[in-house]
Amino acid sequence: MKTKFYLLLLIALVKFAPAEAQNKWVLRTEKDGVTIYESEVPGSKIKALKVIATFNATPMQVGAVIMDVKAATEWVYRMRSSILIKRVSPNELYYYSEVNLPWPAANRDFVAHLTLKQNPETKVVEVDGPAVPGLMQQKAGIVRINNSVGKWIITPVGINQVQVEYTLHVDPAGSLPSWLVNSFATDAPLRIFKNLRVELQKATYKNSDLLLSDN
């Protein structure tokens, strides 16, 4: 049984660990305009992931998709449910999500705290989304994830064009088969970023610069 697991799907958004910037990223795969790196994390047997791609959008449009947790099941790989718990402000919220894993693995769930901020000068948007324990009672038959850190960094690189960087380090809790580990390390990031590209085309997010301007 491998001890490495990359649950990118916590997309919920999910979002990325500051300490990982100090690590050495090694290219894992590159396909369809999406580049995936992996890195050892000091003190952990679980590797971190970093995913990079370019999208035709503004930073706040991408941020709006990430913060729209009720729609996350439409683009985040294997996300069974995504429920808003509390919205603190337009740019801060708590949400619950369940991850649907194939048999014989038990489903995972988590509660995450999302915060969005934009640099007024560079226009770079950052979305943090660590898992937080204690806000919802644990459900029978579902393994609770309490330790995960992630971050989205959305950088303008041209007119209505951004580079999206997503990093994630997560302890999935319990054991998982190696084939599922490999699936989440490669297939999940590719599917999520492909779906995100489609999601950004929806009219809902076209005016997001105005909707999320209260930073």
N, C-alpha and C. Protein backbone atom coordinates (compact mmCIF):
# COMPACT_ATOMS: atom_id res chain seq x y z
N MET A 1 0.83 -1.19 0.00
CA MET A 1 0.00 0.00 0.00
C MET A 1 0.87 1.25 0.00
N LYS A 2 0.67 2.11 -0.91
CA LYS A 2 1.41 3.36 -0.93
C LYS A 2 0.87 4.30 0.14
N THR A 3 1.73 5.12 0.66
CA THR A 3 1.31 6.09 1.65
C THR A 3 1.12 7.47 1.05
N LYS A 4 1.43 7.60 -0.24
CA LYS A 4 1.29 8.90 -0.91
C LYS A 4 -0.13 9.05 -1.45
N PHE A 5 -0.67 10.22 -1.30
CA PHE A 5 -2.01 10.44 -1.84
C PHE A 5 -2.19 11.89 -2.23
N TYR A 6 -2.73 12.10 -3.41
CA TYR A 6 -2.92 13.47 -3.88
C TYR A 6 -4.40 13.67 -4.16
N LEU A 7 -5.10 14.29 -3.26
CA LEU A 7 -6.54 14.46 -3.40
C LEU A 7 -6.82 15.84 -3.93
N LEU A 8 -6.43 16.12 -5.17
CA LEU A 8 -6.58 17.45 -5.74
C LEU A 8 -8.01 17.92 -5.69
N LEU A 9 -8.85 17.02 -5.77
CA LEU A 9 -10.25 17.35 -5.86
C LEU A 9 -10.73 18.27 -4.73
N LEU A 10 -10.00 18.35 -3.65
CA LEU A 10 -10.44 19.23 -2.56
C LEU A 10 -10.35 20.67 -3.03
N ILE A 11 -11.26 20.81 -4.13
CA ILE A 11 -11.27 21.97 -4.82
C ILE A 11 -11.86 22.86 -4.51
N ALA A 12 -12.11 22.10 -3.73
CA ALA A 12 -12.93 22.91 -3.46
C ALA A 12 -12.43 24.03 -2.98
N LEU A 13 -11.99 23.58 -4.24
CA LEU A 13 -11.61 24.05 -3.87
C LEU A 13 -11.05 24.65 -3.07
N VAL A 14 -11.47 24.19 -2.80
CA VAL A 14 -10.60 24.00 -2.34
C VAL A 14 -9.54 24.64 -2.76
N LYS A 15 -7.33 24.52 -1.71
CA LYS A 15 -6.61 25.64 -2.23
C LYS A 15 -5.24 25.77 -1.59
N PHE A 16 -3.77 26.40 -1.39
CA PHE A 16 -2.42 25.84 -1.29
C PHE A 16 -1.42 26.29 -0.22
N ALA A 17 -0.52 25.40 0.21
CA ALA A 17 0.31 25.58 1.40
C ALA A 17 1.48 26.51 1.19
N PRO A 18 1.63 27.55 1.99
CA PRO A 18 2.72 28.51 1.81
C PRO A 18 4.09 27.87 1.92
N ALA A 19 4.26 26.89 2.83
CA ALA A 19 5.57 26.28 3.04
C ALA A 19 6.03 25.52 1.82
N GLU A 20 5.10 25.12 0.97
CA GLU A 20 5.48 24.31 -0.18
C GLU A 20 6.30 25.07 -1.20
N ALA A 21 6.27 26.41 -1.12
CA ALA A 21 7.05 27.21 -2.05
C ALA A 21 8.55 26.97 -1.84
N GLN A 22 8.90 26.47 -0.65
CA GLN A 22 10.30 26.23 -0.35
C GLN A 22 10.75 24.87 -0.87
N ASN A 23 9.84 24.04 -1.31
CA ASN A 23 10.17 22.69 -1.73
C ASN A 23 10.60 22.65 -3.19
N LYS A 24 11.24 21.56 -3.57
CA LYS A 24 11.64 21.36 -4.94
C LYS A 24 10.53 20.67 -5.70
N TRP A 25 9.98 21.36 -6.70
CA TRP A 25 8.90 20.80 -7.49
C TRP A 25 9.48 19.99 -8.65
N VAL A 26 8.95 18.79 -8.84
CA VAL A 26 9.40 17.89 -9.91
C VAL A 26 8.24 17.69 -10.88
N LEU A 27 8.51 17.85 -12.17
CA LEU A 27 7.46 17.68 -13.17
C LEU A 27 6.91 16.26 -13.15
N ARG A 28 5.59 16.15 -13.04
CA ARG A 28 4.94 14.83 -13.07
C ARG A 28 4.38 14.54 -14.46
N THR A 29 3.64 15.51 -15.00
CA THR A 29 3.06 15.32 -16.33
C THR A 29 2.65 16.66 -16.92
N GLU A 30 2.50 16.71 -18.23
CA GLU A 30 2.04 17.91 -18.93
C GLU A 30 1.15 17.47 -20.07
N LYS A 31 -0.10 17.95 -20.08
CA LYS A 31 -1.06 17.51 -21.08
C LYS A 31 -2.16 18.54 -21.23
N ASP A 32 -2.56 18.80 -22.48
CA ASP A 32 -3.69 19.69 -22.77
C ASP A 32 -3.53 21.06 -22.11
N GLY A 33 -2.30 21.56 -22.10
CA GLY A 33 -2.06 22.88 -21.54
C GLY A 33 -2.01 22.93 -20.03
N VAL A 34 -2.03 21.78 -19.38
CA VAL A 34 -1.99 21.71 -17.92
C VAL A 34 -0.69 21.04 -17.49
N THR A 35 0.05 21.69 -16.60
CA THR A 35 1.31 21.15 -16.11
C THR A 35 1.16 20.80 -14.63
N ILE A 36 1.57 19.58 -14.27
CA ILE A 36 1.42 19.08 -12.91
C ILE A 36 2.79 18.76 -12.33
N TYR A 37 3.06 19.31 -11.15
CA TYR A 37 4.31 19.04 -10.43
C TYR A 37 3.98 18.34 -9.11
N GLU A 38 4.98 17.64 -8.55
CA GLU A 38 4.84 17.06 -7.23
C GLU A 38 6.07 17.41 -6.40
N SER A 39 5.92 17.38 -5.09
CA SER A 39 7.01 17.78 -4.21
C SER A 39 6.93 17.04 -2.89
N GLU A 40 8.10 16.68 -2.36
CA GLU A 40 8.17 16.14 -1.01
C GLU A 40 7.86 17.27 -0.03
N VAL A 41 7.21 16.92 1.07
CA VAL A 41 6.89 17.89 2.12
C VAL A 41 7.62 17.46 3.39
N PRO A 42 8.49 18.30 3.92
CA PRO A 42 9.23 17.94 5.13
C PRO A 42 8.32 17.49 6.26
N GLY A 43 8.65 16.34 6.84
CA GLY A 43 7.87 15.83 7.95
C GLY A 43 6.61 15.10 7.57
N SER A 44 6.38 14.91 6.27
CA SER A 44 5.16 14.23 5.81
C SER A 44 5.50 13.15 4.81
N LYS A 45 4.76 12.03 4.86
CA LYS A 45 4.93 10.96 3.88
C LYS A 45 4.08 11.21 2.64
N ILE A 46 3.30 12.25 2.67
CA ILE A 46 2.38 12.56 1.57
C ILE A 46 2.95 13.69 0.72
N LYS A 47 2.96 13.52 -0.57
CA LYS A 47 3.48 14.54 -1.47
C LYS A 47 2.45 15.65 -1.72
N ALA A 48 2.97 16.80 -2.06
CA ALA A 48 2.13 17.93 -2.46
C ALA A 48 2.05 17.98 -3.97
N LEU A 49 1.03 18.63 -4.47
CA LEU A 49 0.84 18.83 -5.91
C LEU A 49 0.79 20.31 -6.23
N LYS A 50 1.27 20.66 -7.40
CA LYS A 50 1.09 22.01 -7.95
C LYS A 50 0.64 21.87 -9.40
N VAL A 51 -0.42 22.58 -9.75
CA VAL A 51 -1.00 22.50 -11.08
C VAL A 51 -1.04 23.90 -11.67
N ILE A 52 -0.59 24.05 -12.92
CA ILE A 52 -0.52 25.36 -13.57
C ILE A 52 -1.15 25.29 -14.96
N ALA A 53 -1.94 26.28 -15.30
CA ALA A 53 -2.53 26.40 -16.64
C ALA A 53 -2.91 27.85 -16.90
N THR A 54 -3.12 28.17 -18.18
CA THR A 54 -3.52 29.52 -18.58
C THR A 54 -4.97 29.49 -19.05
N PHE A 55 -5.74 30.52 -18.66
CA PHE A 55 -7.16 30.59 -19.01
C PHE A 55 -7.47 31.97 -19.60
N ASN A 56 -8.47 32.01 -20.45
CA ASN A 56 -8.98 33.27 -20.98
C ASN A 56 -10.05 33.79 -20.03
N ALA A 57 -9.61 34.60 -19.08
CA ALA A 57 -10.51 35.13 -18.06
C ALA A 57 -9.77 36.22 -17.29
N THR A 58 -10.50 36.91 -16.42
CA THR A 58 -9.86 37.85 -15.50
C THR A 58 -9.60 37.13 -14.18
N PRO A 59 -8.70 37.67 -13.34
CA PRO A 59 -8.45 37.03 -12.04
C PRO A 59 -9.72 36.88 -11.20
N MET A 60 -10.56 37.89 -11.18
CA MET A 60 -11.75 37.83 -10.35
C MET A 60 -12.80 36.87 -10.88
N GLN A 61 -12.82 36.65 -12.21
CA GLN A 61 -13.74 35.67 -12.75
C GLN A 61 -13.38 34.27 -12.28
N VAL A 62 -12.09 33.97 -12.27
CA VAL A 62 -11.65 32.67 -11.75
C VAL A 62 -11.95 32.58 -10.26
N GLY A 63 -11.68 33.66 -9.55
CA GLY A 63 -11.97 33.68 -8.12
C GLY A 63 -13.44 33.46 -7.83
N ALA A 64 -14.30 34.02 -8.67
CA ALA A 64 -15.74 33.87 -8.47
C ALA A 64 -16.18 32.43 -8.63
N VAL A 65 -15.59 31.71 -9.58
CA VAL A 65 -15.93 30.29 -9.76
C VAL A 65 -15.54 29.51 -8.51
N ILE A 66 -14.34 29.75 -8.00
CA ILE A 66 -13.86 29.03 -6.83
C ILE A 66 -14.74 29.32 -5.61
N MET A 67 -15.16 30.57 -5.45
CA MET A 67 -15.97 30.95 -4.29
C MET A 67 -17.43 30.53 -4.42
N ASP A 68 -17.86 30.15 -5.60
CA ASP A 68 -19.24 29.71 -5.81
C ASP A 68 -19.34 28.23 -5.44
N VAL A 69 -19.31 27.94 -4.14
CA VAL A 69 -19.21 26.55 -3.69
C VAL A 69 -20.45 25.73 -4.04
N LYS A 70 -21.59 26.36 -4.18
CA LYS A 70 -22.80 25.60 -4.51
C LYS A 70 -22.72 24.98 -5.90
N ALA A 71 -21.88 25.57 -6.78
CA ALA A 71 -21.73 25.05 -8.14
C ALA A 71 -20.50 24.15 -8.30
N ALA A 72 -19.79 23.91 -7.21
CA ALA A 72 -18.53 23.16 -7.29
C ALA A 72 -18.71 21.75 -7.83
N THR A 73 -19.86 21.13 -7.57
CA THR A 73 -20.08 19.76 -8.04
C THR A 73 -20.12 19.68 -9.57
N GLU A 74 -20.31 20.83 -10.23
CA GLU A 74 -20.38 20.83 -11.69
C GLU A 74 -19.01 20.78 -12.35
N TRP A 75 -17.93 21.05 -11.59
CA TRP A 75 -16.62 21.06 -12.23
C TRP A 75 -15.50 20.40 -11.42
N VAL A 76 -15.71 20.19 -10.13
CA VAL A 76 -14.68 19.56 -9.31
C VAL A 76 -14.84 18.04 -9.36
N TYR A 77 -13.80 17.36 -9.73
CA TYR A 77 -13.80 15.92 -9.95
C TYR A 77 -14.22 15.15 -8.70
N ARG A 78 -15.25 14.32 -8.85
CA ARG A 78 -15.76 13.41 -7.81
C ARG A 78 -16.32 14.12 -6.58
N MET A 79 -16.67 15.36 -6.69
CA MET A 79 -17.31 16.04 -5.58
C MET A 79 -18.79 15.71 -5.58
N ARG A 80 -19.23 15.01 -4.56
CA ARG A 80 -20.62 14.57 -4.48
C ARG A 80 -21.55 15.67 -4.01
N SER A 81 -21.09 16.45 -3.05
CA SER A 81 -21.91 17.54 -2.53
C SER A 81 -21.02 18.69 -2.09
N SER A 82 -21.59 19.89 -2.13
CA SER A 82 -20.88 21.08 -1.69
C SER A 82 -21.91 22.04 -1.13
N ILE A 83 -21.85 22.26 0.17
CA ILE A 83 -22.91 22.98 0.86
C ILE A 83 -22.32 24.17 1.62
N LEU A 84 -22.88 25.34 1.38
CA LEU A 84 -22.45 26.54 2.09
C LEU A 84 -22.91 26.45 3.55
N ILE A 85 -21.96 26.60 4.48
CA ILE A 85 -22.28 26.61 5.90
C ILE A 85 -22.52 28.03 6.40
N LYS A 86 -21.60 28.92 6.06
CA LYS A 86 -21.69 30.31 6.52
C LYS A 86 -20.93 31.22 5.58
N ARG A 87 -21.56 32.31 5.16
CA ARG A 87 -20.88 33.32 4.36
C ARG A 87 -20.59 34.52 5.26
N VAL A 88 -19.32 34.75 5.52
CA VAL A 88 -18.90 35.84 6.39
C VAL A 88 -18.96 37.17 5.65
N SER A 89 -18.54 37.16 4.38
CA SER A 89 -18.54 38.34 3.53
C SER A 89 -18.51 37.85 2.08
N PRO A 90 -18.55 38.76 1.09
CA PRO A 90 -18.46 38.30 -0.30
C PRO A 90 -17.19 37.50 -0.58
N ASN A 91 -16.15 37.71 0.22
CA ASN A 91 -14.87 37.07 -0.04
C ASN A 91 -14.41 36.13 1.07
N GLU A 92 -15.35 35.69 1.92
CA GLU A 92 -14.99 34.74 2.98
C GLU A 92 -16.19 33.86 3.30
N LEU A 93 -15.96 32.55 3.39
CA LEU A 93 -17.05 31.63 3.69
C LEU A 93 -16.51 30.32 4.24
N TYR A 94 -17.43 29.52 4.80
CA TYR A 94 -17.16 28.15 5.23
C TYR A 94 -18.11 27.23 4.46
N TYR A 95 -17.60 26.08 4.01
CA TYR A 95 -18.47 25.15 3.31
C TYR A 95 -18.11 23.70 3.64
N TYR A 96 -19.09 22.83 3.45
CA TYR A 96 -18.92 21.38 3.66
C TYR A 96 -18.98 20.67 2.32
N SER A 97 -18.13 19.65 2.16
CA SER A 97 -18.15 18.89 0.92
C SER A 97 -17.89 17.41 1.18
N GLU A 98 -18.54 16.57 0.37
CA GLU A 98 -18.28 15.13 0.40
C GLU A 98 -17.67 14.70 -0.93
N VAL A 99 -16.62 13.90 -0.85
CA VAL A 99 -15.92 13.41 -2.02
C VAL A 99 -16.34 11.97 -2.28
N ASN A 100 -16.82 11.69 -3.47
CA ASN A 100 -17.30 10.36 -3.83
C ASN A 100 -16.15 9.53 -4.36
N LEU A 101 -15.72 8.52 -3.61
CA LEU A 101 -14.63 7.65 -4.03
C LEU A 101 -15.16 6.28 -4.46
N PRO A 102 -14.54 5.66 -5.43
CA PRO A 102 -15.01 4.36 -5.92
C PRO A 102 -14.79 3.26 -4.89
N TRP A 103 -15.67 2.26 -4.91
CA TRP A 103 -15.54 1.10 -4.02
C TRP A 103 -14.21 0.41 -4.27
N PRO A 104 -13.53 -0.08 -3.23
CA PRO A 104 -13.98 -0.26 -1.84
C PRO A 104 -13.61 0.90 -0.91
N ALA A 105 -13.08 1.99 -1.43
CA ALA A 105 -12.69 3.11 -0.58
C ALA A 105 -13.93 3.82 -0.03
N ALA A 106 -13.85 4.26 1.21
CA ALA A 106 -14.94 5.03 1.81
C ALA A 106 -14.87 6.47 1.32
N ASN A 107 -16.03 7.09 1.17
CA ASN A 107 -16.06 8.50 0.81
C ASN A 107 -15.36 9.34 1.88
N ARG A 108 -14.83 10.49 1.46
CA ARG A 108 -14.24 11.46 2.37
C ARG A 108 -15.10 12.70 2.42
N ASP A 109 -15.04 13.41 3.53
CA ASP A 109 -15.69 14.72 3.60
C ASP A 109 -14.80 15.68 4.38
N PHE A 110 -15.12 16.96 4.29
CA PHE A 110 -14.32 17.98 4.95
C PHE A 110 -15.12 19.27 5.06
N VAL A 111 -14.67 20.14 5.94
CA VAL A 111 -15.16 21.51 6.02
C VAL A 111 -13.99 22.42 5.72
N ALA A 112 -14.17 23.38 4.82
CA ALA A 112 -13.08 24.28 4.44
C ALA A 112 -13.46 25.73 4.68
N HIS A 113 -12.45 26.53 4.93
CA HIS A 113 -12.61 27.97 5.14
C HIS A 113 -11.97 28.69 3.96
N LEU A 114 -12.79 29.29 3.11
CA LEU A 114 -12.29 29.97 1.92
C LEU A 114 -12.20 31.48 2.14
N THR A 115 -11.06 32.04 1.77
CA THR A 115 -10.89 33.50 1.81
C THR A 115 -10.25 33.95 0.50
N LEU A 116 -10.77 35.01 -0.06
CA LEU A 116 -10.27 35.56 -1.31
C LEU A 116 -9.75 36.97 -1.08
N LYS A 117 -8.60 37.28 -1.66
CA LYS A 117 -8.08 38.65 -1.60
C LYS A 117 -7.42 38.98 -2.93
N GLN A 118 -7.44 40.27 -3.28
CA GLN A 118 -6.82 40.72 -4.51
C GLN A 118 -5.87 41.87 -4.23
N ASN A 119 -4.67 41.77 -4.77
CA ASN A 119 -3.70 42.86 -4.66
C ASN A 119 -4.17 44.02 -5.53
N PRO A 120 -4.40 45.20 -4.97
CA PRO A 120 -4.95 46.31 -5.75
C PRO A 120 -4.01 46.83 -6.83
N GLU A 121 -2.72 46.57 -6.69
CA GLU A 121 -1.75 47.05 -7.67
C GLU A 121 -1.50 46.02 -8.77
N THR A 122 -1.20 44.79 -8.39
CA THR A 122 -0.88 43.75 -9.39
C THR A 122 -2.12 43.06 -9.93
N LYS A 123 -3.24 43.16 -9.21
CA LYS A 123 -4.51 42.51 -9.54
C LYS A 123 -4.46 40.99 -9.37
N VAL A 124 -3.39 40.49 -8.77
CA VAL A 124 -3.29 39.05 -8.50
C VAL A 124 -4.31 38.67 -7.43
N VAL A 125 -5.04 37.59 -7.69
CA VAL A 125 -6.04 37.07 -6.75
C VAL A 125 -5.50 35.81 -6.09
N GLU A 126 -5.65 35.74 -4.77
CA GLU A 126 -5.27 34.54 -4.03
C GLU A 126 -6.49 34.03 -3.27
N VAL A 127 -6.70 32.71 -3.34
CA VAL A 127 -7.79 32.08 -2.60
C VAL A 127 -7.19 30.98 -1.73
N ASP A 128 -7.34 31.11 -0.42
CA ASP A 128 -6.89 30.09 0.51
C ASP A 128 -8.08 29.26 0.97
N GLY A 129 -7.84 27.95 1.20
CA GLY A 129 -8.94 27.10 1.63
C GLY A 129 -8.54 25.93 2.49
N PRO A 130 -7.99 26.17 3.68
CA PRO A 130 -7.62 25.05 4.54
C PRO A 130 -8.84 24.34 5.12
N ALA A 131 -8.68 23.06 5.41
CA ALA A 131 -9.72 22.32 6.12
C ALA A 131 -9.74 22.79 7.57
N VAL A 132 -10.94 22.87 8.14
CA VAL A 132 -11.10 23.28 9.54
C VAL A 132 -11.96 22.25 10.26
N PRO A 133 -11.53 21.76 11.41
CA PRO A 133 -12.31 20.75 12.16
C PRO A 133 -13.35 21.39 13.07
N GLY A 134 -14.32 20.57 13.45
CA GLY A 134 -15.23 20.96 14.52
C GLY A 134 -16.49 21.69 14.14
N LEU A 135 -16.68 22.04 12.88
CA LEU A 135 -17.86 22.83 12.52
C LEU A 135 -19.07 21.97 12.17
N MET A 136 -18.84 20.71 11.82
CA MET A 136 -19.96 19.82 11.51
C MET A 136 -19.69 18.44 12.11
N GLN A 137 -20.75 17.82 12.59
CA GLN A 137 -20.63 16.50 13.18
C GLN A 137 -20.21 15.48 12.13
N GLN A 138 -19.34 14.56 12.51
CA GLN A 138 -18.87 13.54 11.58
C GLN A 138 -19.99 12.56 11.25
N LYS A 139 -20.04 12.12 9.97
CA LYS A 139 -21.10 11.22 9.51
C LYS A 139 -20.61 9.78 9.49
N ALA A 140 -21.51 8.86 9.81
CA ALA A 140 -21.18 7.44 9.82
C ALA A 140 -20.83 6.97 8.41
N GLY A 141 -19.77 6.18 8.28
CA GLY A 141 -19.41 5.60 7.00
C GLY A 141 -18.60 6.51 6.10
N ILE A 142 -18.34 7.75 6.54
CA ILE A 142 -17.56 8.71 5.76
C ILE A 142 -16.33 9.12 6.58
N VAL A 143 -15.16 9.10 5.96
CA VAL A 143 -13.92 9.45 6.63
C VAL A 143 -13.72 10.96 6.57
N ARG A 144 -13.53 11.57 7.71
CA ARG A 144 -13.39 13.02 7.79
C ARG A 144 -11.93 13.44 7.57
N ILE A 145 -11.72 14.39 6.66
CA ILE A 145 -10.41 14.98 6.43
C ILE A 145 -10.31 16.26 7.26
N ASN A 146 -9.34 16.28 8.16
CA ASN A 146 -9.15 17.46 9.01
C ASN A 146 -7.88 18.22 8.69
N ASN A 147 -6.98 17.60 7.92
CA ASN A 147 -5.69 18.22 7.63
C ASN A 147 -5.49 18.36 6.13
N SER A 148 -5.73 19.54 5.62
CA SER A 148 -5.42 19.84 4.23
C SER A 148 -5.22 21.34 4.09
N VAL A 149 -4.25 21.71 3.27
CA VAL A 149 -4.00 23.12 3.01
C VAL A 149 -3.86 23.31 1.51
N GLY A 150 -4.44 24.36 1.00
CA GLY A 150 -4.37 24.60 -0.44
C GLY A 150 -4.48 26.07 -0.76
N LYS A 151 -4.03 26.42 -1.95
CA LYS A 151 -4.05 27.82 -2.34
C LYS A 151 -4.12 27.95 -3.85
N TRP A 152 -4.95 28.87 -4.31
CA TRP A 152 -5.01 29.28 -5.71
C TRP A 152 -4.32 30.63 -5.84
N ILE A 153 -3.44 30.77 -6.82
CA ILE A 153 -2.85 32.06 -7.16
C ILE A 153 -3.18 32.34 -8.62
N ILE A 154 -3.90 33.43 -8.86
CA ILE A 154 -4.41 33.74 -10.19
C ILE A 154 -3.78 35.05 -10.64
N THR A 155 -2.90 34.97 -11.63
CA THR A 155 -2.07 36.10 -12.03
C THR A 155 -2.41 36.56 -13.44
N PRO A 156 -2.71 37.85 -13.64
CA PRO A 156 -2.97 38.33 -15.01
C PRO A 156 -1.68 38.29 -15.83
N VAL A 157 -1.80 37.76 -17.06
CA VAL A 157 -0.63 37.67 -17.95
C VAL A 157 -0.90 38.33 -19.29
N GLY A 158 -2.07 38.92 -19.45
CA GLY A 158 -2.44 39.59 -20.69
C GLY A 158 -3.85 40.13 -20.56
N ILE A 159 -4.39 40.67 -21.62
CA ILE A 159 -5.75 41.18 -21.60
C ILE A 159 -6.72 40.01 -21.51
N ASN A 160 -7.48 39.96 -20.40
CA ASN A 160 -8.43 38.88 -20.15
C ASN A 160 -7.77 37.51 -20.25
N GLN A 161 -6.55 37.41 -19.75
CA GLN A 161 -5.84 36.12 -19.71
C GLN A 161 -5.10 36.02 -18.39
N VAL A 162 -5.17 34.84 -17.77
CA VAL A 162 -4.54 34.63 -16.47
C VAL A 162 -3.79 33.31 -16.43
N GLN A 163 -2.78 33.27 -15.56
CA GLN A 163 -2.15 32.00 -15.21
C GLN A 163 -2.71 31.58 -13.86
N VAL A 164 -3.21 30.35 -13.81
CA VAL A 164 -3.78 29.81 -12.58
C VAL A 164 -2.83 28.77 -12.01
N GLU A 165 -2.44 28.98 -10.78
CA GLU A 165 -1.57 28.02 -10.08
C GLU A 165 -2.31 27.52 -8.85
N TYR A 166 -2.42 26.21 -8.76
CA TYR A 166 -3.11 25.60 -7.63
C TYR A 166 -2.18 24.62 -6.95
N THR A 167 -1.99 24.76 -5.64
CA THR A 167 -1.14 23.85 -4.89
C THR A 167 -1.93 23.22 -3.76
N LEU A 168 -1.60 21.98 -3.42
CA LEU A 168 -2.38 21.24 -2.43
C LEU A 168 -1.53 20.22 -1.70
N HIS A 169 -1.70 20.19 -0.37
CA HIS A 169 -1.13 19.12 0.44
C HIS A 169 -2.22 18.67 1.40
N VAL A 170 -2.53 17.37 1.38
CA VAL A 170 -3.67 16.88 2.15
C VAL A 170 -3.37 15.52 2.75
N ASP A 171 -3.85 15.31 3.96
CA ASP A 171 -3.83 13.99 4.59
C ASP A 171 -5.22 13.40 4.41
N PRO A 172 -5.35 12.36 3.55
CA PRO A 172 -6.67 11.83 3.24
C PRO A 172 -7.28 11.00 4.36
N ALA A 173 -6.50 10.68 5.38
CA ALA A 173 -6.95 9.86 6.51
C ALA A 173 -7.29 8.45 6.05
N GLY A 174 -6.90 7.47 6.81
CA GLY A 174 -7.18 6.08 6.44
C GLY A 174 -6.27 5.62 5.31
N SER A 175 -6.57 4.43 4.78
CA SER A 175 -5.77 3.85 3.70
C SER A 175 -6.55 3.85 2.39
N LEU A 176 -5.79 3.93 1.29
CA LEU A 176 -6.39 3.94 -0.04
C LEU A 176 -5.56 3.08 -0.98
N PRO A 177 -6.19 2.39 -1.96
CA PRO A 177 -5.45 1.56 -2.91
C PRO A 177 -4.56 2.39 -3.82
N SER A 178 -3.45 1.81 -4.28
CA SER A 178 -2.46 2.54 -5.07
C SER A 178 -3.05 3.06 -6.38
N TRP A 179 -3.97 2.31 -7.00
CA TRP A 179 -4.54 2.76 -8.27
C TRP A 179 -5.37 4.03 -8.09
N LEU A 180 -5.97 4.17 -6.91
CA LEU A 180 -6.76 5.37 -6.65
C LEU A 180 -5.84 6.56 -6.37
N VAL A 181 -4.73 6.28 -5.69
CA VAL A 181 -3.73 7.31 -5.46
C VAL A 181 -3.23 7.88 -6.78
N ASN A 182 -2.88 6.98 -7.70
CA ASN A 182 -2.37 7.41 -9.01
C ASN A 182 -3.41 8.19 -9.80
N SER A 183 -4.66 7.78 -9.68
CA SER A 183 -5.74 8.45 -10.40
C SER A 183 -5.88 9.90 -9.96
N PHE A 184 -5.83 10.13 -8.65
CA PHE A 184 -5.99 11.48 -8.14
C PHE A 184 -4.75 12.33 -8.38
N ALA A 185 -3.60 11.68 -8.55
CA ALA A 185 -2.38 12.45 -8.76
C ALA A 185 -2.31 13.03 -10.17
N THR A 186 -2.94 12.38 -11.14
CA THR A 186 -2.84 12.83 -12.53
C THR A 186 -4.20 13.14 -13.14
N ASP A 187 -5.11 12.18 -13.10
CA ASP A 187 -6.40 12.35 -13.76
C ASP A 187 -7.23 13.48 -13.16
N ALA A 188 -7.26 13.55 -11.85
CA ALA A 188 -8.10 14.56 -11.20
C ALA A 188 -7.70 15.99 -11.57
N PRO A 189 -6.41 16.35 -11.50
CA PRO A 189 -6.04 17.72 -11.89
C PRO A 189 -6.40 18.04 -13.33
N LEU A 190 -6.18 17.10 -14.23
CA LEU A 190 -6.49 17.34 -15.63
C LEU A 190 -7.99 17.55 -15.83
N ARG A 191 -8.80 16.74 -15.18
CA ARG A 191 -10.25 16.85 -15.31
C ARG A 191 -10.76 18.16 -14.71
N ILE A 192 -10.23 18.51 -13.55
CA ILE A 192 -10.67 19.72 -12.87
C ILE A 192 -10.36 20.96 -13.69
N PHE A 193 -9.14 21.05 -14.20
CA PHE A 193 -8.76 22.24 -14.97
C PHE A 193 -9.49 22.29 -16.31
N LYS A 194 -9.79 21.14 -16.89
CA LYS A 194 -10.58 21.11 -18.13
C LYS A 194 -11.99 21.60 -17.85
N ASN A 195 -12.58 21.14 -16.75
CA ASN A 195 -13.93 21.56 -16.38
C ASN A 195 -13.97 23.04 -15.99
N LEU A 196 -12.91 23.51 -15.34
CA LEU A 196 -12.84 24.93 -14.96
C LEU A 196 -12.85 25.82 -16.19
N ARG A 197 -12.18 25.38 -17.24
CA ARG A 197 -12.15 26.16 -18.48
C ARG A 197 -13.57 26.33 -19.04
N VAL A 198 -14.37 25.28 -18.94
CA VAL A 198 -15.76 25.33 -19.42
C VAL A 198 -16.61 26.19 -18.49
N GLU A 199 -16.41 26.03 -17.19
CA GLU A 199 -17.19 26.76 -16.19
C GLU A 199 -17.03 28.27 -16.35
N LEU A 200 -15.83 28.69 -16.71
CA LEU A 200 -15.55 30.12 -16.85
C LEU A 200 -16.32 30.77 -18.00
N GLN A 201 -16.84 29.97 -18.89
CA GLN A 201 -17.58 30.52 -20.03
C GLN A 201 -19.03 30.86 -19.68
N LYS A 202 -19.48 30.47 -18.52
CA LYS A 202 -20.87 30.70 -18.14
C LYS A 202 -21.12 32.18 -17.85
N ALA A 203 -22.30 32.63 -18.22
CA ALA A 203 -22.66 34.04 -18.05
C ALA A 203 -22.63 34.48 -16.59
N THR A 204 -22.84 33.54 -15.69
CA THR A 204 -22.88 33.84 -14.25
C THR A 204 -21.63 34.58 -13.79
N TYR A 205 -20.48 34.26 -14.42
CA TYR A 205 -19.22 34.80 -13.93
C TYR A 205 -18.68 35.95 -14.77
N LYS A 206 -19.40 36.39 -15.77
CA LYS A 206 -18.89 37.43 -16.66
C LYS A 206 -18.73 38.78 -15.97
N ASN A 207 -19.58 39.08 -14.98
CA ASN A 207 -19.50 40.36 -14.28
C ASN A 207 -18.93 40.21 -12.88
N SER A 208 -18.11 39.20 -12.68
CA SER A 208 -17.61 38.90 -11.35
C SER A 208 -16.66 39.96 -10.81
N ASP A 209 -16.04 40.75 -11.66
CA ASP A 209 -15.18 41.82 -11.19
C ASP A 209 -15.98 42.79 -10.31
N LEU A 210 -17.25 42.95 -10.63
CA LEU A 210 -18.10 43.83 -9.83
C LEU A 210 -18.66 43.10 -8.61
N LEU A 211 -19.04 41.84 -8.81
CA LEU A 211 -19.68 41.09 -7.74
C LEU A 211 -18.76 40.84 -6.56
N LEU A 212 -17.45 40.71 -6.82
CA LEU A 212 -16.50 40.38 -5.77
C LEU A 212 -15.52 41.51 -5.47
N SER A 213 -15.91 42.73 -5.81
CA SER A 213 -14.97 43.84 -5.67
C SER A 213 -14.83 44.34 -4.23
N ASP A 214 -15.67 43.87 -3.33
CA ASP A 214 -15.62 44.28 -1.93
C ASP A 214 -14.57 43.50 -1.18
N ASN A 215 -13.28 43.86 -1.32
CA ASN A 215 -12.17 43.13 -0.70
C ASN A 215 -11.81 43.74 0.65
